[in-house]
Amino acid sequence: LEEFKSALFGPNGSLLSPIAETWDTDDTMGRQYLCGINPAFVKLCAGSFPEKFPVTDKVLKSKVAILRDKDIQTEMQAGKFCYVDFRPLLQDLVDIQARERAQGV
């Protein structure tokens, strides 16, 4: 945490960037993903989580404080849930690793 703080604050203690105050909010995280190198991988959850996204309402509510008093299905149907799907980007790597394992490499 100290290394992170040293990257955000100048020698006189002033913030190097306004993002330093909001780096841990959903708005800033979303903005960073959409302005990042792979915004096409951000997908909207259309009514349910993808099959390969092993998360339950119980887990989300226990890990994400803002969701504790909300109905996740209602929030999802309102278009408030997105996820990042890097599978298309990583599939070639997964295939290479599977081939190498099969060949005993």
PDB file of N, CA and C in Angstrom:
ATOM      1  N   LEU A   1       0.825  -1.194   0.000  1.00  0.00           N
ATOM      2  CA  LEU A   1       0.000   0.000   0.000  1.00  0.00           C
ATOM      3  C   LEU A   1       0.867   1.256   0.000  1.00  0.00           C
ATOM      4  N   GLU A   2       1.960   1.220   0.711  1.00  0.00           N
ATOM      5  CA  GLU A   2       2.847   2.388   0.750  1.00  0.00           C
ATOM      6  C   GLU A   2       3.440   2.672  -0.631  1.00  0.00           C
ATOM      7  N   GLU A   3       3.790   1.617  -1.372  1.00  0.00           N
ATOM      8  CA  GLU A   3       4.323   1.812  -2.722  1.00  0.00           C
ATOM      9  C   GLU A   3       3.276   2.460  -3.622  1.00  0.00           C
ATOM     10  N   PHE A   4       2.037   2.024  -3.451  1.00  0.00           N
ATOM     11  CA  PHE A   4       0.943   2.591  -4.235  1.00  0.00           C
ATOM     12  C   PHE A   4       0.783   4.073  -3.910  1.00  0.00           C
ATOM     13  N   LYS A   5       0.791   4.391  -2.618  1.00  0.00           N
ATOM     14  CA  LYS A   5       0.650   5.792  -2.207  1.00  0.00           C
ATOM     15  C   LYS A   5       1.795   6.642  -2.742  1.00  0.00           C
ATOM     16  N   SER A   6       3.007   6.099  -2.724  1.00  0.00           N
ATOM     17  CA  SER A   6       4.150   6.878  -3.209  1.00  0.00           C
ATOM     18  C   SER A   6       4.036   7.155  -4.710  1.00  0.00           C
ATOM     19  N   ALA A   7       3.328   6.286  -5.427  1.00  0.00           N
ATOM     20  CA  ALA A   7       3.134   6.513  -6.858  1.00  0.00           C
ATOM     21  C   ALA A   7       2.068   7.574  -7.126  1.00  0.00           C
ATOM     22  N   LEU A   8       1.197   7.816  -6.142  1.00  0.00           N
ATOM     23  CA  LEU A   8       0.098   8.759  -6.326  1.00  0.00           C
ATOM     24  C   LEU A   8       0.377  10.149  -5.782  1.00  0.00           C
ATOM     25  N   PHE A   9       1.292  10.243  -4.822  1.00  0.00           N
ATOM     26  CA  PHE A   9       1.541  11.519  -4.157  1.00  0.00           C
ATOM     27  C   PHE A   9       2.945  12.020  -4.461  1.00  0.00           C
ATOM     28  N   GLY A  10       3.048  13.322  -4.689  1.00  0.00           N
ATOM     29  CA  GLY A  10       4.340  13.935  -4.952  1.00  0.00           C
ATOM     30  C   GLY A  10       5.135  14.102  -3.672  1.00  0.00           C
ATOM     31  N   PRO A  11       6.360  14.613  -3.778  1.00  0.00           N
ATOM     32  CA  PRO A  11       7.235  14.766  -2.617  1.00  0.00           C
ATOM     33  C   PRO A  11       6.665  15.695  -1.542  1.00  0.00           C
ATOM     34  N   ASN A  12       5.824  16.646  -1.944  1.00  0.00           N
ATOM     35  CA  ASN A  12       5.236  17.556  -0.959  1.00  0.00           C
ATOM     36  C   ASN A  12       3.893  17.058  -0.429  1.00  0.00           C
ATOM     37  N   GLY A  13       3.516  15.843  -0.785  1.00  0.00           N
ATOM     38  CA  GLY A  13       2.271  15.250  -0.297  1.00  0.00           C
ATOM     39  C   GLY A  13       1.056  15.560  -1.151  1.00  0.00           C
ATOM     40  N   SER A  14       1.234  16.306  -2.235  1.00  0.00           N
ATOM     41  CA  SER A  14       0.096  16.635  -3.094  1.00  0.00           C
ATOM     42  C   SER A  14      -0.180  15.479  -4.059  1.00  0.00           C
ATOM     43  N   LEU A  15      -1.438  15.365  -4.437  1.00  0.00           N
ATOM     44  CA  LEU A  15      -1.829  14.313  -5.369  1.00  0.00           C
ATOM     45  C   LEU A  15      -1.229  14.561  -6.744  1.00  0.00           C
ATOM     46  N   LEU A  16      -0.682  13.521  -7.335  1.00  0.00           N
ATOM     47  CA  LEU A  16      -0.156  13.631  -8.691  1.00  0.00           C
ATOM     48  C   LEU A  16      -1.281  13.575  -9.721  1.00  0.00           C
ATOM     49  N   SER A  17      -2.391  12.960  -9.345  1.00  0.00           N
ATOM     50  CA  SER A  17      -3.519  12.823 -10.261  1.00  0.00           C
ATOM     51  C   SER A  17      -4.818  12.788  -9.464  1.00  0.00           C
ATOM     52  N   PRO A  18      -5.881  13.431  -9.960  1.00  0.00           N
ATOM     53  CA  PRO A  18      -7.165  13.381  -9.249  1.00  0.00           C
ATOM     54  C   PRO A  18      -7.711  11.958  -9.131  1.00  0.00           C
ATOM     55  N   ILE A  19      -7.283  11.069 -10.015  1.00  0.00           N
ATOM     56  CA  ILE A  19      -7.763   9.685  -9.953  1.00  0.00           C
ATOM     57  C   ILE A  19      -7.335   9.008  -8.652  1.00  0.00           C
ATOM     58  N   ALA A  20      -6.320   9.548  -8.007  1.00  0.00           N
ATOM     59  CA  ALA A  20      -5.826   8.969  -6.761  1.00  0.00           C
ATOM     60  C   ALA A  20      -6.887   8.979  -5.670  1.00  0.00           C
ATOM     61  N   GLU A  21      -7.835   9.893  -5.760  1.00  0.00           N
ATOM     62  CA  GLU A  21      -8.890   9.958  -4.748  1.00  0.00           C
ATOM     63  C   GLU A  21     -10.026   8.988  -5.033  1.00  0.00           C
ATOM     64  N   THR A  22     -10.173   8.574  -6.274  1.00  0.00           N
ATOM     65  CA  THR A  22     -11.337   7.763  -6.644  1.00  0.00           C
ATOM     66  C   THR A  22     -10.981   6.445  -7.314  1.00  0.00           C
ATOM     67  N   TRP A  23      -9.735   6.008  -7.227  1.00  0.00           N
ATOM     68  CA  TRP A  23      -9.291   4.818  -7.957  1.00  0.00           C
ATOM     69  C   TRP A  23     -10.072   3.567  -7.596  1.00  0.00           C
ATOM     70  N   ASP A  24     -10.692   3.537  -6.406  1.00  0.00           N
ATOM     71  CA  ASP A  24     -11.368   2.320  -5.959  1.00  0.00           C
ATOM     72  C   ASP A  24     -12.886   2.383  -6.120  1.00  0.00           C
ATOM     73  N   THR A  25     -13.409   3.312  -6.911  1.00  0.00           N
ATOM     74  CA  THR A  25     -14.856   3.395  -7.108  1.00  0.00           C
ATOM     75  C   THR A  25     -15.255   2.688  -8.405  1.00  0.00           C
ATOM     76  N   ASP A  26     -16.514   2.287  -8.473  1.00  0.00           N
ATOM     77  CA  ASP A  26     -17.015   1.631  -9.684  1.00  0.00           C
ATOM     78  C   ASP A  26     -16.926   2.556 -10.896  1.00  0.00           C
ATOM     79  N   ASP A  27     -17.239   3.841 -10.690  1.00  0.00           N
ATOM     80  CA  ASP A  27     -17.189   4.786 -11.810  1.00  0.00           C
ATOM     81  C   ASP A  27     -15.790   4.864 -12.410  1.00  0.00           C
ATOM     82  N   THR A  28     -14.793   5.003 -11.546  1.00  0.00           N
ATOM     83  CA  THR A  28     -13.419   5.115 -12.035  1.00  0.00           C
ATOM     84  C   THR A  28     -12.959   3.803 -12.667  1.00  0.00           C
ATOM     85  N   MET A  29     -13.292   2.687 -12.043  1.00  0.00           N
ATOM     86  CA  MET A  29     -12.917   1.383 -12.602  1.00  0.00           C
ATOM     87  C   MET A  29     -13.527   1.216 -13.995  1.00  0.00           C
ATOM     88  N   GLY A  30     -14.810   1.538 -14.119  1.00  0.00           N
ATOM     89  CA  GLY A  30     -15.470   1.436 -15.418  1.00  0.00           C
ATOM     90  C   GLY A  30     -14.845   2.351 -16.451  1.00  0.00           C
ATOM     91  N   ARG A  31     -14.553   3.576 -16.052  1.00  0.00           N
ATOM     92  CA  ARG A  31     -13.920   4.535 -16.958  1.00  0.00           C
ATOM     93  C   ARG A  31     -12.563   4.015 -17.424  1.00  0.00           C
ATOM     94  N   GLN A  32     -11.799   3.439 -16.506  1.00  0.00           N
ATOM     95  CA  GLN A  32     -10.482   2.914 -16.862  1.00  0.00           C
ATOM     96  C   GLN A  32     -10.600   1.753 -17.857  1.00  0.00           C
ATOM     97  N   TYR A  33     -11.580   0.871 -17.633  1.00  0.00           N
ATOM     98  CA  TYR A  33     -11.771  -0.236 -18.576  1.00  0.00           C
ATOM     99  C   TYR A  33     -12.182   0.274 -19.954  1.00  0.00           C
ATOM    100  N   LEU A  34     -13.134   1.218 -19.980  1.00  0.00           N
ATOM    101  CA  LEU A  34     -13.628   1.708 -21.260  1.00  0.00           C
ATOM    102  C   LEU A  34     -12.597   2.536 -22.015  1.00  0.00           C
ATOM    103  N   CYS A  35     -11.702   3.170 -21.304  1.00  0.00           N
ATOM    104  CA  CYS A  35     -10.642   3.968 -21.947  1.00  0.00           C
ATOM    105  C   CYS A  35      -9.365   3.159 -22.120  1.00  0.00           C
ATOM    106  N   GLY A  36      -9.378   1.919 -21.680  1.00  0.00           N
ATOM    107  CA  GLY A  36      -8.180   1.084 -21.717  1.00  0.00           C
ATOM    108  C   GLY A  36      -7.927   0.479 -23.081  1.00  0.00           C
ATOM    109  N   ILE A  37      -7.029  -0.491 -23.090  1.00  0.00           N
ATOM    110  CA  ILE A  37      -6.603  -1.058 -24.368  1.00  0.00           C
ATOM    111  C   ILE A  37      -7.586  -2.071 -24.949  1.00  0.00           C
ATOM    112  N   ASN A  38      -8.490  -2.612 -24.133  1.00  0.00           N
ATOM    113  CA  ASN A  38      -9.420  -3.622 -24.636  1.00  0.00           C
ATOM    114  C   ASN A  38     -10.860  -3.356 -24.207  1.00  0.00           C
ATOM    115  N   PRO A  39     -11.430  -2.196 -24.531  1.00  0.00           N
ATOM    116  CA  PRO A  39     -12.801  -1.936 -24.095  1.00  0.00           C
ATOM    117  C   PRO A  39     -13.817  -2.874 -24.739  1.00  0.00           C
ATOM    118  N   ALA A  40     -13.450  -3.518 -25.848  1.00  0.00           N
ATOM    119  CA  ALA A  40     -14.378  -4.430 -26.515  1.00  0.00           C
ATOM    120  C   ALA A  40     -14.644  -5.682 -25.689  1.00  0.00           C
ATOM    121  N   PHE A  41     -13.820  -5.949 -24.688  1.00  0.00           N
ATOM    122  CA  PHE A  41     -14.012  -7.138 -23.866  1.00  0.00           C
ATOM    123  C   PHE A  41     -15.002  -6.913 -22.729  1.00  0.00           C
ATOM    124  N   VAL A  42     -15.469  -5.669 -22.542  1.00  0.00           N
ATOM    125  CA  VAL A  42     -16.465  -5.373 -21.516  1.00  0.00           C
ATOM    126  C   VAL A  42     -17.821  -5.791 -22.068  1.00  0.00           C
ATOM    127  N   LYS A  43     -18.499  -6.668 -21.333  1.00  0.00           N
ATOM    128  CA  LYS A  43     -19.790  -7.195 -21.774  1.00  0.00           C
ATOM    129  C   LYS A  43     -20.857  -6.894 -20.728  1.00  0.00           C
ATOM    130  N   LEU A  44     -22.057  -6.604 -21.190  1.00  0.00           N
ATOM    131  CA  LEU A  44     -23.190  -6.384 -20.305  1.00  0.00           C
ATOM    132  C   LEU A  44     -23.797  -7.733 -19.945  1.00  0.00           C
ATOM    133  N   CYS A  45     -24.093  -7.936 -18.673  1.00  0.00           N
ATOM    134  CA  CYS A  45     -24.787  -9.155 -18.252  1.00  0.00           C
ATOM    135  C   CYS A  45     -26.255  -8.995 -18.628  1.00  0.00           C
ATOM    136  N   ALA A  46     -26.729  -9.812 -19.515  1.00  0.00           N
ATOM    137  CA  ALA A  46     -28.100  -9.712 -20.002  1.00  0.00           C
ATOM    138  C   ALA A  46     -29.013 -10.657 -19.234  1.00  0.00           C
ATOM    139  N   GLY A  47     -29.369 -10.294 -18.025  1.00  0.00           N
ATOM    140  CA  GLY A  47     -30.312 -11.080 -17.243  1.00  0.00           C
ATOM    141  C   GLY A  47     -29.697 -12.129 -16.344  1.00  0.00           C
ATOM    142  N   SER A  48     -28.507 -12.613 -16.680  1.00  0.00           N
ATOM    143  CA  SER A  48     -27.839 -13.585 -15.813  1.00  0.00           C
ATOM    144  C   SER A  48     -26.338 -13.548 -16.094  1.00  0.00           C
ATOM    145  N   PHE A  49     -25.591 -14.078 -15.144  1.00  0.00           N
ATOM    146  CA  PHE A  49     -24.149 -14.148 -15.345  1.00  0.00           C
ATOM    147  C   PHE A  49     -23.837 -15.231 -16.372  1.00  0.00           C
ATOM    148  N   PRO A  50     -22.752 -15.086 -17.103  1.00  0.00           N
ATOM    149  CA  PRO A  50     -22.368 -16.125 -18.062  1.00  0.00           C
ATOM    150  C   PRO A  50     -22.116 -17.454 -17.345  1.00  0.00           C
ATOM    151  N   GLU A  51     -22.309 -18.545 -18.067  1.00  0.00           N
ATOM    152  CA  GLU A  51     -22.106 -19.879 -17.484  1.00  0.00           C
ATOM    153  C   GLU A  51     -20.732 -20.047 -16.861  1.00  0.00           C
ATOM    154  N   LYS A  52     -19.720 -19.525 -17.515  1.00  0.00           N
ATOM    155  CA  LYS A  52     -18.349 -19.725 -17.037  1.00  0.00           C
ATOM    156  C   LYS A  52     -17.925 -18.686 -16.008  1.00  0.00           C
ATOM    157  N   PHE A  53     -18.872 -17.960 -15.452  1.00  0.00           N
ATOM    158  CA  PHE A  53     -18.577 -16.959 -14.433  1.00  0.00           C
ATOM    159  C   PHE A  53     -19.125 -17.493 -13.117  1.00  0.00           C
ATOM    160  N   PRO A  54     -18.309 -18.242 -12.374  1.00  0.00           N
ATOM    161  CA  PRO A  54     -18.802 -18.974 -11.203  1.00  0.00           C
ATOM    162  C   PRO A  54     -18.978 -18.085  -9.972  1.00  0.00           C
ATOM    163  N   VAL A  55     -20.021 -17.283  -9.976  1.00  0.00           N
ATOM    164  CA  VAL A  55     -20.282 -16.431  -8.825  1.00  0.00           C
ATOM    165  C   VAL A  55     -21.763 -16.540  -8.472  1.00  0.00           C
ATOM    166  N   THR A  56     -22.042 -16.432  -7.198  1.00  0.00           N
ATOM    167  CA  THR A  56     -23.423 -16.496  -6.739  1.00  0.00           C
ATOM    168  C   THR A  56     -23.805 -15.167  -6.107  1.00  0.00           C
ATOM    169  N   ASP A  57     -25.111 -14.955  -5.961  1.00  0.00           N
ATOM    170  CA  ASP A  57     -25.586 -13.743  -5.289  1.00  0.00           C
ATOM    171  C   ASP A  57     -25.001 -13.654  -3.889  1.00  0.00           C
ATOM    172  N   LYS A  58     -24.948 -14.785  -3.206  1.00  0.00           N
ATOM    173  CA  LYS A  58     -24.437 -14.814  -1.829  1.00  0.00           C
ATOM    174  C   LYS A  58     -22.980 -14.344  -1.772  1.00  0.00           C
ATOM    175  N   VAL A  59     -22.165 -14.832  -2.685  1.00  0.00           N
ATOM    176  CA  VAL A  59     -20.755 -14.430  -2.719  1.00  0.00           C
ATOM    177  C   VAL A  59     -20.641 -12.941  -3.020  1.00  0.00           C
ATOM    178  N   LEU A  60     -21.385 -12.465  -4.023  1.00  0.00           N
ATOM    179  CA  LEU A  60     -21.328 -11.042  -4.362  1.00  0.00           C
ATOM    180  C   LEU A  60     -21.728 -10.172  -3.177  1.00  0.00           C
ATOM    181  N   LYS A  61     -22.808 -10.532  -2.522  1.00  0.00           N
ATOM    182  CA  LYS A  61     -23.278  -9.723  -1.392  1.00  0.00           C
ATOM    183  C   LYS A  61     -22.295  -9.747  -0.235  1.00  0.00           C
ATOM    184  N   SER A  62     -21.572 -10.838  -0.068  1.00  0.00           N
ATOM    185  CA  SER A  62     -20.610 -10.909   1.036  1.00  0.00           C
ATOM    186  C   SER A  62     -19.317 -10.166   0.717  1.00  0.00           C
ATOM    187  N   LYS A  63     -18.990 -10.006  -0.557  1.00  0.00           N
ATOM    188  CA  LYS A  63     -17.725  -9.378  -0.952  1.00  0.00           C
ATOM    189  C   LYS A  63     -17.864  -7.919  -1.379  1.00  0.00           C
ATOM    190  N   VAL A  64     -19.047  -7.533  -1.845  1.00  0.00           N
ATOM    191  CA  VAL A  64     -19.246  -6.187  -2.384  1.00  0.00           C
ATOM    192  C   VAL A  64     -20.282  -5.463  -1.531  1.00  0.00           C
ATOM    193  N   ALA A  65     -19.803  -4.583  -0.665  1.00  0.00           N
ATOM    194  CA  ALA A  65     -20.660  -3.934   0.329  1.00  0.00           C
ATOM    195  C   ALA A  65     -21.863  -3.225  -0.283  1.00  0.00           C
ATOM    196  N   ILE A  66     -21.690  -2.575  -1.410  1.00  0.00           N
ATOM    197  CA  ILE A  66     -22.780  -1.802  -2.008  1.00  0.00           C
ATOM    198  C   ILE A  66     -23.949  -2.689  -2.456  1.00  0.00           C
ATOM    199  N   LEU A  67     -23.713  -3.989  -2.606  1.00  0.00           N
ATOM    200  CA  LEU A  67     -24.763  -4.907  -3.060  1.00  0.00           C
ATOM    201  C   LEU A  67     -25.547  -5.550  -1.927  1.00  0.00           C
ATOM    202  N   ARG A  68     -25.127  -5.375  -0.704  1.00  0.00           N
ATOM    203  CA  ARG A  68     -25.729  -6.105   0.419  1.00  0.00           C
ATOM    204  C   ARG A  68     -27.236  -5.917   0.536  1.00  0.00           C
ATOM    205  N   ASP A  69     -27.728  -4.715   0.272  1.00  0.00           N
ATOM    206  CA  ASP A  69     -29.158  -4.444   0.431  1.00  0.00           C
ATOM    207  C   ASP A  69     -29.904  -4.411  -0.896  1.00  0.00           C
ATOM    208  N   LYS A  70     -29.316  -4.964  -1.932  1.00  0.00           N
ATOM    209  CA  LYS A  70     -29.935  -4.890  -3.252  1.00  0.00           C
ATOM    210  C   LYS A  70     -30.240  -6.281  -3.789  1.00  0.00           C
ATOM    211  N   ASP A  71     -31.250  -6.338  -4.642  1.00  0.00           N
ATOM    212  CA  ASP A  71     -31.572  -7.581  -5.330  1.00  0.00           C
ATOM    213  C   ASP A  71     -30.738  -7.626  -6.613  1.00  0.00           C
ATOM    214  N   ILE A  72     -29.842  -8.566  -6.686  1.00  0.00           N
ATOM    215  CA  ILE A  72     -28.889  -8.612  -7.791  1.00  0.00           C
ATOM    216  C   ILE A  72     -29.589  -8.826  -9.132  1.00  0.00           C
ATOM    217  N   GLN A  73     -30.621  -9.656  -9.178  1.00  0.00           N
ATOM    218  CA  GLN A  73     -31.346  -9.871 -10.435  1.00  0.00           C
ATOM    219  C   GLN A  73     -32.001  -8.582 -10.931  1.00  0.00           C
ATOM    220  N   THR A  74     -32.567  -7.799 -10.007  1.00  0.00           N
ATOM    221  CA  THR A  74     -33.179  -6.521 -10.381  1.00  0.00           C
ATOM    222  C   THR A  74     -32.127  -5.565 -10.922  1.00  0.00           C
ATOM    223  N   GLU A  75     -30.983  -5.512 -10.251  1.00  0.00           N
ATOM    224  CA  GLU A  75     -29.892  -4.639 -10.701  1.00  0.00           C
ATOM    225  C   GLU A  75     -29.378  -5.081 -12.068  1.00  0.00           C
ATOM    226  N   MET A  76     -29.292  -6.382 -12.269  1.00  0.00           N
ATOM    227  CA  MET A  76     -28.799  -6.908 -13.538  1.00  0.00           C
ATOM    228  C   MET A  76     -29.778  -6.587 -14.669  1.00  0.00           C
ATOM    229  N   GLN A  77     -31.071  -6.759 -14.407  1.00  0.00           N
ATOM    230  CA  GLN A  77     -32.074  -6.463 -15.425  1.00  0.00           C
ATOM    231  C   GLN A  77     -32.120  -4.974 -15.757  1.00  0.00           C
ATOM    232  N   ALA A  78     -31.677  -4.140 -14.808  1.00  0.00           N
ATOM    233  CA  ALA A  78     -31.622  -2.697 -15.049  1.00  0.00           C
ATOM    234  C   ALA A  78     -30.345  -2.309 -15.800  1.00  0.00           C
ATOM    235  N   GLY A  79     -29.536  -3.297 -16.160  1.00  0.00           N
ATOM    236  CA  GLY A  79     -28.328  -3.033 -16.938  1.00  0.00           C
ATOM    237  C   GLY A  79     -27.163  -2.512 -16.129  1.00  0.00           C
ATOM    238  N   LYS A  80     -27.094  -2.894 -14.860  1.00  0.00           N
ATOM    239  CA  LYS A  80     -26.046  -2.371 -13.982  1.00  0.00           C
ATOM    240  C   LYS A  80     -24.893  -3.339 -13.743  1.00  0.00           C
ATOM    241  N   PHE A  81     -24.879  -4.472 -14.429  1.00  0.00           N
ATOM    242  CA  PHE A  81     -23.794  -5.434 -14.253  1.00  0.00           C
ATOM    243  C   PHE A  81     -23.069  -5.663 -15.570  1.00  0.00           C
ATOM    244  N   CYS A  82     -21.771  -5.512 -15.515  1.00  0.00           N
ATOM    245  CA  CYS A  82     -20.908  -5.807 -16.658  1.00  0.00           C
ATOM    246  C   CYS A  82     -19.800  -6.732 -16.181  1.00  0.00           C
ATOM    247  N   TYR A  83     -19.165  -7.391 -17.104  1.00  0.00           N
ATOM    248  CA  TYR A  83     -18.000  -8.210 -16.786  1.00  0.00           C
ATOM    249  C   TYR A  83     -17.013  -8.061 -17.934  1.00  0.00           C
ATOM    250  N   VAL A  84     -15.804  -8.455 -17.684  1.00  0.00           N
ATOM    251  CA  VAL A  84     -14.768  -8.385 -18.712  1.00  0.00           C
ATOM    252  C   VAL A  84     -14.431  -9.811 -19.117  1.00  0.00           C
ATOM    253  N   ASP A  85     -14.587 -10.106 -20.396  1.00  0.00           N
ATOM    254  CA  ASP A  85     -14.366 -11.455 -20.909  1.00  0.00           C
ATOM    255  C   ASP A  85     -13.094 -11.477 -21.755  1.00  0.00           C
ATOM    256  N   PHE A  86     -12.014 -11.963 -21.158  1.00  0.00           N
ATOM    257  CA  PHE A  86     -10.736 -12.038 -21.863  1.00  0.00           C
ATOM    258  C   PHE A  86     -10.530 -13.390 -22.543  1.00  0.00           C
ATOM    259  N   ARG A  87     -11.544 -14.257 -22.508  1.00  0.00           N
ATOM    260  CA  ARG A  87     -11.381 -15.577 -23.123  1.00  0.00           C
ATOM    261  C   ARG A  87     -10.969 -15.514 -24.592  1.00  0.00           C
ATOM    262  N   PRO A  88     -11.564 -14.642 -25.417  1.00  0.00           N
ATOM    263  CA  PRO A  88     -11.119 -14.607 -26.822  1.00  0.00           C
ATOM    264  C   PRO A  88      -9.637 -14.255 -26.956  1.00  0.00           C
ATOM    265  N   LEU A  89      -9.167 -13.396 -26.096  1.00  0.00           N
ATOM    266  CA  LEU A  89      -7.774 -12.976 -26.130  1.00  0.00           C
ATOM    267  C   LEU A  89      -6.840 -14.086 -25.652  1.00  0.00           C
ATOM    268  N   LEU A  90      -7.300 -14.865 -24.689  1.00  0.00           N
ATOM    269  CA  LEU A  90      -6.450 -15.878 -24.064  1.00  0.00           C
ATOM    270  C   LEU A  90      -6.609 -17.274 -24.657  1.00  0.00           C
ATOM    271  N   GLN A  91      -7.595 -17.471 -25.529  1.00  0.00           N
ATOM    272  CA  GLN A  91      -7.884 -18.812 -26.025  1.00  0.00           C
ATOM    273  C   GLN A  91      -6.690 -19.449 -26.722  1.00  0.00           C
ATOM    274  N   ASP A  92      -5.952 -18.687 -27.516  1.00  0.00           N
ATOM    275  CA  ASP A  92      -4.769 -19.250 -28.192  1.00  0.00           C
ATOM    276  C   ASP A  92      -3.748 -19.745 -27.180  1.00  0.00           C
ATOM    277  N   LEU A  93      -3.550 -18.994 -26.109  1.00  0.00           N
ATOM    278  CA  LEU A  93      -2.615 -19.400 -25.061  1.00  0.00           C
ATOM    279  C   LEU A  93      -3.080 -20.687 -24.385  1.00  0.00           C
ATOM    280  N   VAL A  94      -4.366 -20.775 -24.106  1.00  0.00           N
ATOM    281  CA  VAL A  94      -4.923 -21.982 -23.487  1.00  0.00           C
ATOM    282  C   VAL A  94      -4.729 -23.179 -24.415  1.00  0.00           C
ATOM    283  N   ASP A  95      -4.968 -22.980 -25.704  1.00  0.00           N
ATOM    284  CA  ASP A  95      -4.789 -24.067 -26.678  1.00  0.00           C
ATOM    285  C   ASP A  95      -3.332 -24.522 -26.742  1.00  0.00           C
ATOM    286  N   ILE A  96      -2.395 -23.583 -26.737  1.00  0.00           N
ATOM    287  CA  ILE A  96      -0.963 -23.915 -26.771  1.00  0.00           C
ATOM    288  C   ILE A  96      -0.575 -24.711 -25.533  1.00  0.00           C
ATOM    289  N   GLN A  97      -1.043 -24.270 -24.374  1.00  0.00           N
ATOM    290  CA  GLN A  97      -0.717 -24.986 -23.135  1.00  0.00           C
ATOM    291  C   GLN A  97      -1.293 -26.393 -23.151  1.00  0.00           C
ATOM    292  N   ALA A  98      -2.506 -26.553 -23.645  1.00  0.00           N
ATOM    293  CA  ALA A  98      -3.120 -27.879 -23.711  1.00  0.00           C
ATOM    294  C   ALA A  98      -2.332 -28.790 -24.648  1.00  0.00           C
ATOM    295  N   ARG A  99      -1.901 -28.259 -25.794  1.00  0.00           N
ATOM    296  CA  ARG A  99      -1.093 -29.043 -26.740  1.00  0.00           C
ATOM    297  C   ARG A  99       0.230 -29.460 -26.118  1.00  0.00           C
ATOM    298  N   GLU A 100       0.878 -28.525 -25.419  1.00  0.00           N
ATOM    299  CA  GLU A 100       2.166 -28.835 -24.788  1.00  0.00           C
ATOM    300  C   GLU A 100       2.007 -29.901 -23.711  1.00  0.00           C
ATOM    301  N   ARG A 101       0.938 -29.826 -22.942  1.00  0.00           N
ATOM    302  CA  ARG A 101       0.697 -30.857 -21.917  1.00  0.00           C
ATOM    303  C   ARG A 101       0.486 -32.217 -22.570  1.00  0.00           C
ATOM    304  N   ALA A 102      -0.279 -32.234 -23.658  1.00  0.00           N
ATOM    305  CA  ALA A 102      -0.550 -33.493 -24.356  1.00  0.00           C
ATOM    306  C   ALA A 102       0.728 -34.091 -24.938  1.00  0.00           C
ATOM    307  N   GLN A 103       1.675 -33.235 -25.323  1.00  0.00           N
ATOM    308  CA  GLN A 103       2.938 -33.700 -25.893  1.00  0.00           C
ATOM    309  C   GLN A 103       3.985 -33.958 -24.816  1.00  0.00           C
ATOM    310  N   GLY A 104       3.656 -33.651 -23.571  1.00  0.00           N
ATOM    311  CA  GLY A 104       4.599 -33.866 -22.479  1.00  0.00           C
ATOM    312  C   GLY A 104       5.706 -32.834 -22.416  1.00  0.00           C
ATOM    313  N   VAL A 105       5.462 -31.666 -22.965  1.00  0.00           N
ATOM    314  CA  VAL A 105       6.482 -30.596 -22.976  1.00  0.00           C
ATOM    315  C   VAL A 105       6.513 -29.904 -21.635  1.00  0.00           C
TER     316      VAL A 105
END
